Amino acid sequence: MDSPMCLVENADGELHVVPGAIKYLMGLNQKVIVVAVVGLYRTGKSYLMNKLAGKRKGFALGATIQSKTKGIWMWCVPHPEKRDHTLVLLDTEGLGDVEKGDSKNDAWIFSLAILLSSTLVYNSRGTIDNQAVENLQYVSELTERIKVNSSSAASSSHDDEEEGDTQFVQFFPNFVWAIRDFTLLLEIDGRNVTEDEYLEHSLELRKGGGKKNLMYNLPRECIRNYFPSRKCFVFPTPTTPANMPHLDSMDEADLCGSFRKVADTFCCFIFQESRTKTVKGGHKVTGRMLGHLINTYVETIAKGSVPCLENAVLAMAQIENQAAVDEGLAVYQRGMEEVKALFPVDMGQISAHHLCSDHQATQAFMKRSFKDENGDFLKALAVAIAKHYADLLIQNEDASEKKCASLLEKLSAPMAQKIKEGIYATPGGYELYCNHHDNMVAQYRAEPDKGVRAEEILEQFLKEKSLEKNSILQADKKLTENEKKIHEEQEKRALAEQAVKMEAEKQHQLEKLIQERERSHQEGICQLEAKMVQEAKGKQQELERALDSKLHEQEKLMAKGFTEKEAAMKEEIQSLREKEEAKREEKEEQSRNFRAIAQGVMESVSNGLGHYFNYKKAREQRKAIVFKEQVRFNLKSGAVDNIPDKERMTLKQDKMATPKLKTGAVGNSKDTTLPKVNTGTTGKSPGSEV
């Protein structure tokens, strides 16, 4: 992004997202680190953002008493230290701008800055006195403007306070206070102090009750309790008062040396310490996800409702998970294009490509998806991949049939011509026919790359030619009746042997399908388990960060003798520890859920492949009907004097005895599981032993 652009517009007292900015974020797939700056208008916020962007100009600085920034402006730049991360800088409208007249959106802009950022920079001038803290009044209103859980919307105000104290710290950004034009000495009671010690001193609580002390402590308590960490930087005046209006056009070398040193230290801290933006559950946010969050929060505010972290994450998860399914399927389809261009191929080739593409597709899904707690979207991907694979299997089989049929037609053409010429209708013609027939079959077998139906198509061809062959046999006057019977038996054995080869071919294909399903299942389990571990780790880090913050705060309160506050803090710490223990207990439940998801995915794959098995069953039935009609036609026309017993029996049966692929209840969409495999006698139908 070459220059900043408006992200949230504040016009006529209403907040609106800017479509162009959202579109830019939607195209940003890198993880984001979001730094937002807030503060009173005309305090130099924009200068800090330009400094972080590494540019002299960008965000409007302005040199008058008028506020230049309206709404929230965004600048996306490559992170200078973290690869594959984008630094998103948010410059917010100055709080307390007298020209606005109505400042009701100040609190919402402040809340949005917190909701969207991983580091919040509060910019002020002069010193941290009581007035400077009171200017942060919006921090004490956050429980009224941000909800963590959707169920809290119906809770009491007491519950809201408890929620803010114990849960905000898990999800809020780090807090940095930048004090501009600081002219005092960093001393307290004659002792030199650091910037951070100065901040902690300014946030100390007063002991005792009374409304005055309560009002004094309220914003300080909120800062101490809501933000997981806090840091302070004090900036001296960068140049003389006369040069301040021209700050954006001055060279860095012309600025005060001490100011440049603090500015560089500030930038280094932001670059090194700012976390990747996360949402409830510890999920890391990409630019695209940030766009969804902004849309959700601003729309919620526009409706007069309170933004809820849980609801926003659930809404974003639905969008992202469906997109993850689409992306995973696209990865699979691209991966299968290479093998598709080679059709027909054998089962080993298409199976290897399927397993590789399936693995890559699942990886792409896992990388993008989150909070798919019941595995519904993973199952949807499994079904989509299985259906696409089933279509490819069918296309590959059709390509194999077409190539094999064309090859057999080409190879048998010379024999067909000899039949027309009556070459075989002479004494000894059967022996000549058999020699030519065997030579044709040998040529067919020698042809490479016939695909998965080579034996099946040959079996069909030989069965069809058996009628022709038998006719020539019966017409050969050179052979005795006994010799004819011997040749008939030989032909039956040859057809039976070919049927065995065909069934072996089908068995091999079926075994491959089951093997690849099992391998895909095991790989899927590993990926799913890794995903669950990653998500559990993110939740654990949230709790640990909150717990560390509370323990640190407890130590400070104990040191200052705030026994009453310490007791309340102990309750919060105990609550967080109970949550931590509950997370450990959830692991057993997650393990059970994990197994259920894995089983559901396997069932989804089987259901997706049901389309393929239904197609095969219909093709077998169609083939049987065609052959049956052909035999009946030959009988009716008197074209065949003698038909083998097996073919004659088919006319007496109500249903042809064709090889069956048992797939549970094929044709019934509720049960299309893969059949069991008979690994013993390959000559039997794959479903015959089920």
Foldseek 3Di string as FASTA:
>chain_A
DPAKDAQWAQDPNAIDGDVVLLVVLQPFFFFEAEEEEAEAFLQQPVCLLCVLQVHLDHQDNAQDPAGDDGAKMWDWDCQPPDPSYIYIYIYGTGQPGVVVVDRPCVLVSVLVNFQQHQEYEYEEEEALALVRLVSVVSLLCVLVFEAADPVCVPPDVVVSVLCQQQPLQLATHAYEYEYEQYDDACDDPNHHDDQVVRVVVSLDADDDDDPVSCVSNRSSVSNLRRHLYYYYAYAHHFADPVCVSVSSVDDSVRTDPRRVVSSVVVSVCCSPPRDRRAAPLLHTDTSSLSSQLVVQCSVCVNVVHHYYRVVSVVVSQVVQLLVLLVQLLVQLVVLQPVVLVVAQAALVVNLVSNLVSNLVSLVSNLVRHDPPQLLPSVLVSLLSSLQVSLVSVVVRVVRLLVQLVVLLCVLCVVVVVCVVVCVLLEAVSLVVSVVSVVVSVVVLVPDPRSHLCNLVNVLLVLLVCVLVSLQSLVNRPNDDPVVSVVVVVVSVVVSLVSLLVRLLSVLVSLVSVVVSLVVSLVSSLVSLVVSVVVSLVSNLVSLVSSLVSLVVVLVVCVVVPVVVVNVVSVVSNVVSVVVNVVSVVCVVVSVVSSVVSSVSSSQSSLLSSLVNQLVVVVVQQVSLVVLLVVVVVCVVVVVGPDDDPLSVVQVVDPGDPTQHQDQPPRPDSVGRGHADADPPRSSHRRRPVD
